[in-house]
Amino acid sequence: MSSLTSAVAAVITDAAGRVLLCQLRQGHRLWCLPGGRIRQAESPMHAAVRDIREETGLETHMVDLLGIYQLTGDACGEDMPDVLMHVFRAEIAGGEPSVNSPGRISRLSWHDPDSLPEPMTPTARAAVADAVSGRSGVLREVQRDKEPELPEAVEADQPVAALATSLP
């Protein structure tokens, strides 16, 4: 693979053990962990704090490095670069979750780790499973999923609801 993208994400849980997920506005409207790309000369931890603030309005504290996940495979086409994702375990340090990047995120909601929404990114699935199992410092290769069928993605597309209906 000729190119590699570096990104960050965080598994953020509430007091009930539910995980905060974002639904992407574009493409197949996949559910993912909050996060984004690492900017040049930016540390992964700083990028995670910044991206989560930009997407959700939350101030977070990174507890530990849950793992480094290499997203690879050509299930979505051969021209997709590998993504090296630094995933942190994080706690909310302040603020209330809200959709701060409406061009990128259509909604935020809390989900029980035993009943995660679909379609979901394979990296988010793997990281949530590792977090629930109490792991840290995981190194894992994750294969891309085949693109979801369009009818499923359309059914998952709901208007942006008031955050109060998505979050307790």
N, C-alpha and C. Protein backbone atom coordinates (compact mmCIF):
# COMPACT_ATOMS: atom_id res chain seq x y z
N MET A 1 0.85 -1.16 0.00
CA MET A 1 0.00 0.00 0.00
C MET A 1 0.90 1.23 0.00
N SER A 2 0.62 2.15 -0.88
CA SER A 2 1.51 3.30 -1.05
C SER A 2 1.24 4.42 -0.06
N SER A 3 0.02 4.53 0.49
CA SER A 3 -0.24 5.62 1.39
C SER A 3 -0.83 5.12 2.70
N LEU A 4 -0.61 5.89 3.75
CA LEU A 4 -1.08 5.55 5.07
C LEU A 4 -1.61 6.82 5.71
N THR A 5 -2.81 6.76 6.22
CA THR A 5 -3.42 7.88 6.91
C THR A 5 -3.37 7.59 8.40
N SER A 6 -3.02 8.58 9.20
CA SER A 6 -3.02 8.43 10.66
C SER A 6 -4.23 9.15 11.22
N ALA A 7 -4.93 8.47 12.14
CA ALA A 7 -6.15 9.02 12.71
C ALA A 7 -6.23 8.66 14.19
N VAL A 8 -7.19 9.27 14.86
CA VAL A 8 -7.43 9.03 16.28
C VAL A 8 -8.92 8.84 16.53
N ALA A 9 -9.23 8.17 17.62
CA ALA A 9 -10.60 8.02 18.07
C ALA A 9 -10.55 7.72 19.56
N ALA A 10 -11.72 7.76 20.20
CA ALA A 10 -11.77 7.43 21.62
C ALA A 10 -13.06 6.69 21.94
N VAL A 11 -12.93 5.73 22.85
CA VAL A 11 -14.09 5.06 23.42
C VAL A 11 -14.42 5.85 24.69
N ILE A 12 -15.56 6.53 24.65
CA ILE A 12 -16.04 7.34 25.77
C ILE A 12 -17.29 6.65 26.30
N THR A 13 -17.31 6.36 27.60
CA THR A 13 -18.47 5.71 28.18
C THR A 13 -19.12 6.61 29.22
N ASP A 14 -20.42 6.38 29.45
CA ASP A 14 -21.13 7.11 30.49
C ASP A 14 -21.20 6.25 31.74
N ALA A 15 -21.87 6.74 32.78
CA ALA A 15 -21.96 6.02 34.06
C ALA A 15 -22.65 4.66 33.91
N ALA A 16 -23.51 4.53 32.91
CA ALA A 16 -24.22 3.26 32.68
C ALA A 16 -23.41 2.29 31.82
N GLY A 17 -22.21 2.69 31.39
CA GLY A 17 -21.37 1.82 30.58
C GLY A 17 -21.66 1.89 29.09
N ARG A 18 -22.53 2.82 28.70
CA ARG A 18 -22.83 2.97 27.27
C ARG A 18 -21.72 3.75 26.58
N VAL A 19 -21.56 3.51 25.27
CA VAL A 19 -20.49 4.11 24.47
C VAL A 19 -21.08 5.22 23.60
N LEU A 20 -20.37 6.35 23.54
CA LEU A 20 -20.79 7.46 22.69
C LEU A 20 -20.34 7.18 21.25
N LEU A 21 -21.29 7.18 20.32
CA LEU A 21 -20.99 6.95 18.91
C LEU A 21 -21.52 8.11 18.07
N CYS A 22 -20.85 8.32 16.93
CA CYS A 22 -21.23 9.33 15.96
C CYS A 22 -21.70 8.63 14.70
N GLN A 23 -22.74 9.15 14.08
CA GLN A 23 -23.14 8.62 12.78
C GLN A 23 -22.69 9.61 11.72
N LEU A 24 -21.90 9.11 10.77
CA LEU A 24 -21.37 9.96 9.70
C LEU A 24 -22.50 10.42 8.79
N ARG A 25 -22.41 11.65 8.31
CA ARG A 25 -23.43 12.21 7.44
C ARG A 25 -23.28 11.71 6.00
N GLN A 26 -22.06 11.47 5.56
CA GLN A 26 -21.79 11.12 4.16
C GLN A 26 -21.73 9.61 3.95
N GLY A 27 -21.74 9.23 2.69
CA GLY A 27 -21.53 7.83 2.31
C GLY A 27 -22.62 6.91 2.83
N HIS A 28 -22.19 5.84 3.49
CA HIS A 28 -23.12 4.83 3.98
C HIS A 28 -23.60 5.13 5.39
N ARG A 29 -23.30 6.32 5.87
CA ARG A 29 -23.77 6.78 7.19
C ARG A 29 -23.37 5.81 8.31
N LEU A 30 -22.11 5.41 8.26
CA LEU A 30 -21.59 4.46 9.25
C LEU A 30 -21.54 5.09 10.64
N TRP A 31 -21.72 4.25 11.64
CA TRP A 31 -21.51 4.65 13.03
C TRP A 31 -20.03 4.47 13.34
N CYS A 32 -19.47 5.40 14.09
CA CYS A 32 -18.04 5.35 14.41
C CYS A 32 -17.80 5.98 15.78
N LEU A 33 -16.58 5.86 16.24
CA LEU A 33 -16.16 6.53 17.46
C LEU A 33 -15.84 7.98 17.14
N PRO A 34 -16.01 8.91 18.08
CA PRO A 34 -15.59 10.29 17.82
C PRO A 34 -14.08 10.35 17.64
N GLY A 35 -13.64 11.19 16.71
CA GLY A 35 -12.21 11.33 16.43
C GLY A 35 -12.00 11.92 15.07
N GLY A 36 -10.79 11.78 14.54
CA GLY A 36 -10.47 12.34 13.23
C GLY A 36 -9.02 12.13 12.88
N ARG A 37 -8.55 12.91 11.92
CA ARG A 37 -7.17 12.78 11.45
C ARG A 37 -6.19 13.53 12.33
N ILE A 38 -4.97 13.02 12.34
CA ILE A 38 -3.88 13.67 13.05
C ILE A 38 -3.26 14.70 12.11
N ARG A 39 -3.15 15.92 12.58
CA ARG A 39 -2.53 16.98 11.78
C ARG A 39 -1.01 16.87 11.86
N GLN A 40 -0.35 17.48 10.89
CA GLN A 40 1.12 17.45 10.86
C GLN A 40 1.67 18.05 12.14
N ALA A 41 2.65 17.40 12.74
CA ALA A 41 3.34 17.82 13.96
C ALA A 41 2.42 17.82 15.18
N GLU A 42 1.33 17.05 15.15
CA GLU A 42 0.39 16.96 16.27
C GLU A 42 0.51 15.57 16.89
N SER A 43 0.50 15.49 18.20
CA SER A 43 0.56 14.19 18.86
C SER A 43 -0.82 13.52 18.76
N PRO A 44 -0.86 12.19 18.75
CA PRO A 44 -2.15 11.50 18.71
C PRO A 44 -3.08 11.91 19.87
N MET A 45 -2.54 12.05 21.06
CA MET A 45 -3.38 12.43 22.20
C MET A 45 -3.98 13.83 22.01
N HIS A 46 -3.16 14.77 21.57
CA HIS A 46 -3.66 16.13 21.33
C HIS A 46 -4.72 16.11 20.23
N ALA A 47 -4.48 15.34 19.18
CA ALA A 47 -5.44 15.24 18.09
C ALA A 47 -6.77 14.68 18.58
N ALA A 48 -6.73 13.67 19.45
CA ALA A 48 -7.96 13.08 19.97
C ALA A 48 -8.76 14.10 20.77
N VAL A 49 -8.09 14.81 21.67
CA VAL A 49 -8.78 15.83 22.48
C VAL A 49 -9.39 16.90 21.57
N ARG A 50 -8.62 17.37 20.59
CA ARG A 50 -9.10 18.42 19.68
C ARG A 50 -10.27 17.94 18.83
N ASP A 51 -10.12 16.77 18.20
CA ASP A 51 -11.18 16.27 17.32
C ASP A 51 -12.47 15.98 18.07
N ILE A 52 -12.37 15.41 19.26
CA ILE A 52 -13.58 15.12 20.04
C ILE A 52 -14.27 16.43 20.44
N ARG A 53 -13.50 17.43 20.82
CA ARG A 53 -14.08 18.74 21.14
C ARG A 53 -14.78 19.32 19.92
N GLU A 54 -14.11 19.24 18.74
CA GLU A 54 -14.69 19.80 17.52
C GLU A 54 -15.97 19.07 17.11
N GLU A 55 -16.02 17.75 17.27
CA GLU A 55 -17.18 16.97 16.84
C GLU A 55 -18.33 16.96 17.84
N THR A 56 -18.00 16.92 19.14
CA THR A 56 -19.02 16.67 20.15
C THR A 56 -19.22 17.80 21.15
N GLY A 57 -18.29 18.76 21.22
CA GLY A 57 -18.36 19.81 22.22
C GLY A 57 -17.86 19.37 23.59
N LEU A 58 -17.43 18.13 23.72
CA LEU A 58 -16.99 17.61 25.01
C LEU A 58 -15.51 17.89 25.25
N GLU A 59 -15.20 18.21 26.49
CA GLU A 59 -13.81 18.24 26.95
C GLU A 59 -13.56 16.84 27.50
N THR A 60 -12.45 16.23 27.08
CA THR A 60 -12.17 14.86 27.49
C THR A 60 -10.78 14.74 28.10
N HIS A 61 -10.62 13.70 28.86
CA HIS A 61 -9.34 13.32 29.45
C HIS A 61 -9.02 11.92 28.93
N MET A 62 -7.88 11.78 28.25
CA MET A 62 -7.49 10.47 27.74
C MET A 62 -6.91 9.65 28.90
N VAL A 63 -7.56 8.52 29.19
CA VAL A 63 -7.16 7.67 30.31
C VAL A 63 -5.95 6.82 29.95
N ASP A 64 -6.04 6.16 28.79
CA ASP A 64 -4.93 5.34 28.32
C ASP A 64 -5.10 5.04 26.83
N LEU A 65 -4.06 4.45 26.25
CA LEU A 65 -4.12 4.05 24.85
C LEU A 65 -4.75 2.67 24.80
N LEU A 66 -5.97 2.63 24.31
CA LEU A 66 -6.68 1.36 24.17
C LEU A 66 -5.95 0.48 23.17
N GLY A 67 -5.55 1.08 22.04
CA GLY A 67 -4.82 0.30 21.06
C GLY A 67 -4.52 1.06 19.80
N ILE A 68 -3.72 0.43 18.97
CA ILE A 68 -3.42 0.95 17.63
C ILE A 68 -3.96 -0.08 16.65
N TYR A 69 -4.86 0.38 15.80
CA TYR A 69 -5.57 -0.48 14.87
C TYR A 69 -5.19 -0.07 13.45
N GLN A 70 -4.75 -1.03 12.66
CA GLN A 70 -4.44 -0.76 11.25
C GLN A 70 -5.61 -1.27 10.42
N LEU A 71 -6.36 -0.32 9.85
CA LEU A 71 -7.47 -0.66 8.97
C LEU A 71 -6.90 -0.91 7.59
N THR A 72 -7.14 -2.09 7.06
CA THR A 72 -6.55 -2.47 5.80
C THR A 72 -7.53 -3.33 5.00
N GLY A 73 -7.16 -3.67 3.80
CA GLY A 73 -7.99 -4.52 2.96
C GLY A 73 -8.61 -3.74 1.83
N ASP A 74 -9.04 -4.46 0.81
CA ASP A 74 -9.58 -3.79 -0.37
C ASP A 74 -11.05 -4.15 -0.61
N ALA A 75 -11.80 -4.44 0.46
CA ALA A 75 -13.21 -4.77 0.32
C ALA A 75 -14.02 -3.60 -0.25
N CYS A 76 -13.51 -2.39 -0.09
CA CYS A 76 -14.20 -1.20 -0.59
C CYS A 76 -13.54 -0.64 -1.85
N GLY A 77 -12.57 -1.33 -2.39
CA GLY A 77 -11.84 -0.85 -3.57
C GLY A 77 -10.36 -0.87 -3.30
N GLU A 78 -9.58 -1.05 -4.35
CA GLU A 78 -8.13 -1.20 -4.20
C GLU A 78 -7.41 0.12 -3.95
N ASP A 79 -8.07 1.26 -4.16
CA ASP A 79 -7.39 2.54 -4.02
C ASP A 79 -7.52 3.14 -2.61
N MET A 80 -8.05 2.39 -1.67
CA MET A 80 -8.22 2.90 -0.30
C MET A 80 -6.91 2.78 0.46
N PRO A 81 -6.44 3.89 1.06
CA PRO A 81 -5.20 3.81 1.85
C PRO A 81 -5.45 3.10 3.17
N ASP A 82 -4.42 2.48 3.71
CA ASP A 82 -4.52 1.93 5.05
C ASP A 82 -4.66 3.09 6.03
N VAL A 83 -5.32 2.84 7.16
CA VAL A 83 -5.47 3.86 8.19
C VAL A 83 -4.89 3.30 9.48
N LEU A 84 -3.97 4.05 10.08
CA LEU A 84 -3.39 3.68 11.37
C LEU A 84 -4.14 4.50 12.41
N MET A 85 -4.99 3.84 13.19
CA MET A 85 -5.88 4.51 14.13
C MET A 85 -5.40 4.31 15.56
N HIS A 86 -5.10 5.42 16.25
CA HIS A 86 -4.76 5.41 17.67
C HIS A 86 -6.08 5.59 18.41
N VAL A 87 -6.49 4.57 19.17
CA VAL A 87 -7.76 4.66 19.88
C VAL A 87 -7.48 4.72 21.39
N PHE A 88 -8.03 5.76 22.01
CA PHE A 88 -7.85 5.99 23.44
C PHE A 88 -9.10 5.61 24.21
N ARG A 89 -8.93 5.32 25.47
CA ARG A 89 -10.05 5.22 26.41
C ARG A 89 -10.12 6.61 27.03
N ALA A 90 -11.32 7.21 27.03
CA ALA A 90 -11.43 8.60 27.49
C ALA A 90 -12.58 8.76 28.48
N GLU A 91 -12.44 9.80 29.30
CA GLU A 91 -13.49 10.20 30.24
C GLU A 91 -13.92 11.61 29.89
N ILE A 92 -15.18 11.92 30.16
CA ILE A 92 -15.68 13.28 29.95
C ILE A 92 -15.20 14.15 31.09
N ALA A 93 -14.54 15.26 30.74
CA ALA A 93 -14.04 16.20 31.73
C ALA A 93 -14.94 17.43 31.82
N GLY A 94 -15.83 17.60 30.86
CA GLY A 94 -16.74 18.74 30.90
C GLY A 94 -17.54 18.86 29.63
N GLY A 95 -18.65 19.57 29.73
CA GLY A 95 -19.49 19.81 28.57
C GLY A 95 -20.59 18.77 28.42
N GLU A 96 -21.50 19.06 27.51
CA GLU A 96 -22.59 18.15 27.15
C GLU A 96 -22.43 17.79 25.69
N PRO A 97 -22.63 16.51 25.32
CA PRO A 97 -22.46 16.13 23.92
C PRO A 97 -23.47 16.83 23.00
N SER A 98 -22.96 17.36 21.91
CA SER A 98 -23.82 17.96 20.88
C SER A 98 -23.11 17.83 19.54
N VAL A 99 -23.89 17.81 18.47
CA VAL A 99 -23.32 17.69 17.13
C VAL A 99 -22.71 19.04 16.76
N ASN A 100 -21.38 19.13 16.82
CA ASN A 100 -20.68 20.38 16.51
C ASN A 100 -20.15 20.41 15.09
N SER A 101 -20.16 19.28 14.40
CA SER A 101 -19.68 19.20 13.01
C SER A 101 -20.80 18.65 12.14
N PRO A 102 -21.87 19.45 11.92
CA PRO A 102 -23.03 18.92 11.19
C PRO A 102 -22.72 18.56 9.74
N GLY A 103 -21.64 19.07 9.17
CA GLY A 103 -21.26 18.69 7.82
C GLY A 103 -20.67 17.29 7.76
N ARG A 104 -20.16 16.79 8.89
CA ARG A 104 -19.52 15.49 8.96
C ARG A 104 -20.34 14.48 9.77
N ILE A 105 -20.96 14.92 10.85
CA ILE A 105 -21.69 14.05 11.77
C ILE A 105 -23.17 14.40 11.72
N SER A 106 -24.03 13.38 11.53
CA SER A 106 -25.46 13.66 11.53
C SER A 106 -26.07 13.55 12.92
N ARG A 107 -25.51 12.66 13.77
CA ARG A 107 -26.03 12.56 15.13
C ARG A 107 -25.05 11.84 16.04
N LEU A 108 -25.25 12.04 17.33
CA LEU A 108 -24.50 11.39 18.40
C LEU A 108 -25.51 10.64 19.25
N SER A 109 -25.13 9.49 19.75
CA SER A 109 -26.00 8.81 20.71
C SER A 109 -25.21 7.79 21.52
N TRP A 110 -25.76 7.47 22.68
CA TRP A 110 -25.16 6.49 23.58
C TRP A 110 -25.72 5.11 23.24
N HIS A 111 -24.83 4.11 23.23
CA HIS A 111 -25.25 2.74 22.88
C HIS A 111 -24.67 1.74 23.85
N ASP A 112 -25.49 0.74 24.20
CA ASP A 112 -25.02 -0.36 25.01
C ASP A 112 -24.03 -1.17 24.17
N PRO A 113 -22.88 -1.52 24.72
CA PRO A 113 -21.89 -2.29 23.94
C PRO A 113 -22.41 -3.63 23.43
N ASP A 114 -23.46 -4.16 24.03
CA ASP A 114 -24.04 -5.44 23.59
C ASP A 114 -25.05 -5.27 22.46
N SER A 115 -25.43 -4.04 22.14
CA SER A 115 -26.40 -3.81 21.05
C SER A 115 -25.99 -2.57 20.26
N LEU A 116 -24.86 -2.69 19.57
CA LEU A 116 -24.33 -1.58 18.79
C LEU A 116 -25.09 -1.43 17.48
N PRO A 117 -25.22 -0.20 16.98
CA PRO A 117 -25.96 0.03 15.74
C PRO A 117 -25.15 -0.41 14.52
N GLU A 118 -25.84 -0.66 13.44
CA GLU A 118 -25.21 -0.99 12.16
C GLU A 118 -25.75 -0.03 11.11
N PRO A 119 -25.01 0.22 10.05
CA PRO A 119 -23.65 -0.26 9.82
C PRO A 119 -22.63 0.53 10.67
N MET A 120 -21.60 -0.16 11.11
CA MET A 120 -20.58 0.42 11.97
C MET A 120 -19.20 0.15 11.37
N THR A 121 -18.27 1.07 11.63
CA THR A 121 -16.92 0.86 11.12
C THR A 121 -16.29 -0.34 11.83
N PRO A 122 -15.50 -1.13 11.12
CA PRO A 122 -14.87 -2.29 11.76
C PRO A 122 -13.90 -1.90 12.87
N THR A 123 -13.27 -0.74 12.75
CA THR A 123 -12.36 -0.28 13.80
C THR A 123 -13.13 0.02 15.08
N ALA A 124 -14.29 0.67 14.96
CA ALA A 124 -15.11 0.96 16.14
C ALA A 124 -15.57 -0.33 16.80
N ARG A 125 -16.02 -1.30 16.01
CA ARG A 125 -16.45 -2.59 16.57
C ARG A 125 -15.33 -3.24 17.37
N ALA A 126 -14.13 -3.29 16.78
CA ALA A 126 -12.99 -3.93 17.43
C ALA A 126 -12.59 -3.18 18.70
N ALA A 127 -12.54 -1.85 18.63
CA ALA A 127 -12.11 -1.05 19.78
C ALA A 127 -13.11 -1.13 20.93
N VAL A 128 -14.41 -1.10 20.63
CA VAL A 128 -15.41 -1.22 21.69
C VAL A 128 -15.30 -2.59 22.36
N ALA A 129 -15.13 -3.64 21.57
CA ALA A 129 -14.97 -4.99 22.13
C ALA A 129 -13.73 -5.06 23.03
N ASP A 130 -12.63 -4.45 22.59
CA ASP A 130 -11.41 -4.45 23.41
C ASP A 130 -11.63 -3.65 24.70
N ALA A 131 -12.32 -2.50 24.60
CA ALA A 131 -12.56 -1.66 25.78
C ALA A 131 -13.43 -2.40 26.79
N VAL A 132 -14.49 -3.04 26.32
CA VAL A 132 -15.40 -3.78 27.20
C VAL A 132 -14.67 -4.94 27.89
N SER A 133 -13.70 -5.52 27.19
CA SER A 133 -12.91 -6.63 27.75
C SER A 133 -11.82 -6.15 28.70
N GLY A 134 -11.67 -4.83 28.85
CA GLY A 134 -10.67 -4.27 29.76
C GLY A 134 -9.26 -4.26 29.22
N ARG A 135 -9.10 -4.43 27.91
CA ARG A 135 -7.76 -4.45 27.32
C ARG A 135 -7.21 -3.03 27.18
N SER A 136 -5.90 -2.94 27.11
CA SER A 136 -5.17 -1.70 26.80
C SER A 136 -3.93 -2.08 26.02
N GLY A 137 -3.42 -1.15 25.21
CA GLY A 137 -2.18 -1.40 24.47
C GLY A 137 -2.31 -2.45 23.39
N VAL A 138 -3.49 -2.60 22.83
CA VAL A 138 -3.75 -3.60 21.79
C VAL A 138 -3.11 -3.16 20.47
N LEU A 139 -2.52 -4.09 19.76
CA LEU A 139 -2.07 -3.87 18.39
C LEU A 139 -2.87 -4.84 17.52
N ARG A 140 -3.66 -4.29 16.60
CA ARG A 140 -4.57 -5.17 15.85
C ARG A 140 -4.72 -4.69 14.41
N GLU A 141 -4.70 -5.65 13.50
CA GLU A 141 -5.03 -5.37 12.10
C GLU A 141 -6.52 -5.65 11.94
N VAL A 142 -7.23 -4.70 11.34
CA VAL A 142 -8.67 -4.81 11.14
C VAL A 142 -8.95 -4.74 9.65
N GLN A 143 -9.72 -5.70 9.15
CA GLN A 143 -10.06 -5.73 7.73
C GLN A 143 -11.29 -4.86 7.47
N ARG A 144 -11.24 -4.11 6.37
CA ARG A 144 -12.40 -3.32 5.96
C ARG A 144 -13.57 -4.24 5.67
N ASP A 145 -14.76 -3.75 5.99
CA ASP A 145 -15.98 -4.46 5.63
C ASP A 145 -16.29 -4.20 4.17
N LYS A 146 -17.03 -5.12 3.58
CA LYS A 146 -17.60 -4.86 2.27
C LYS A 146 -18.60 -3.73 2.45
N GLU A 147 -18.73 -2.86 1.45
CA GLU A 147 -19.66 -1.74 1.57
C GLU A 147 -21.06 -2.27 1.86
N PRO A 148 -21.77 -1.63 2.81
CA PRO A 148 -23.12 -2.09 3.11
C PRO A 148 -24.06 -1.86 1.93
N GLU A 149 -25.11 -2.66 1.88
CA GLU A 149 -26.11 -2.49 0.83
C GLU A 149 -26.78 -1.14 1.02
N LEU A 150 -27.06 -0.46 -0.07
CA LEU A 150 -27.65 0.87 0.00
C LEU A 150 -29.00 0.89 0.71
N PRO A 151 -29.92 -0.07 0.52
CA PRO A 151 -31.19 0.00 1.23
C PRO A 151 -31.03 0.05 2.74
N GLU A 152 -30.06 -0.68 3.31
CA GLU A 152 -29.82 -0.63 4.74
C GLU A 152 -29.35 0.75 5.16
N ALA A 153 -28.49 1.35 4.36
CA ALA A 153 -27.98 2.68 4.69
C ALA A 153 -29.11 3.70 4.63
N VAL A 154 -30.03 3.55 3.68
CA VAL A 154 -31.14 4.49 3.57
C VAL A 154 -32.05 4.36 4.79
N GLU A 155 -32.33 3.11 5.23
CA GLU A 155 -33.17 2.91 6.40
C GLU A 155 -32.53 3.53 7.64
N ALA A 156 -31.21 3.47 7.73
CA ALA A 156 -30.52 4.02 8.89
C ALA A 156 -30.50 5.54 8.86
N ASP A 157 -30.81 6.14 7.71
CA ASP A 157 -30.78 7.59 7.56
C ASP A 157 -32.05 8.18 8.14
N GLN A 158 -31.91 8.85 9.24
CA GLN A 158 -33.03 9.53 9.86
C GLN A 158 -32.68 10.98 9.99
N PRO A 159 -33.67 11.86 9.99
CA PRO A 159 -33.36 13.26 10.14
C PRO A 159 -32.62 13.50 11.45
N VAL A 160 -31.84 14.55 11.47
CA VAL A 160 -31.11 14.88 12.68
C VAL A 160 -32.16 15.23 13.74
N ALA A 161 -32.25 14.38 14.74
CA ALA A 161 -33.23 14.61 15.81
C ALA A 161 -32.60 15.52 16.85
N ALA A 162 -33.44 16.13 17.61
CA ALA A 162 -32.93 16.93 18.73
C ALA A 162 -32.08 16.01 19.59
N LEU A 163 -30.96 16.51 20.03
CA LEU A 163 -30.03 15.68 20.79
C LEU A 163 -30.70 15.11 22.03
N ALA A 164 -31.67 15.81 22.57
CA ALA A 164 -32.34 15.34 23.77
C ALA A 164 -33.02 13.99 23.54
N THR A 165 -33.41 13.71 22.29
CA THR A 165 -34.05 12.43 22.02
C THR A 165 -33.03 11.32 21.83
N SER A 166 -31.80 11.68 21.49
CA SER A 166 -30.76 10.67 21.29
C SER A 166 -29.95 10.41 22.55
N LEU A 167 -29.84 11.41 23.38
CA LEU A 167 -29.00 11.30 24.57
C LEU A 167 -29.87 11.49 25.81
N PRO A 168 -29.55 10.77 26.90
CA PRO A 168 -30.34 10.94 28.12
C PRO A 168 -30.08 12.29 28.74
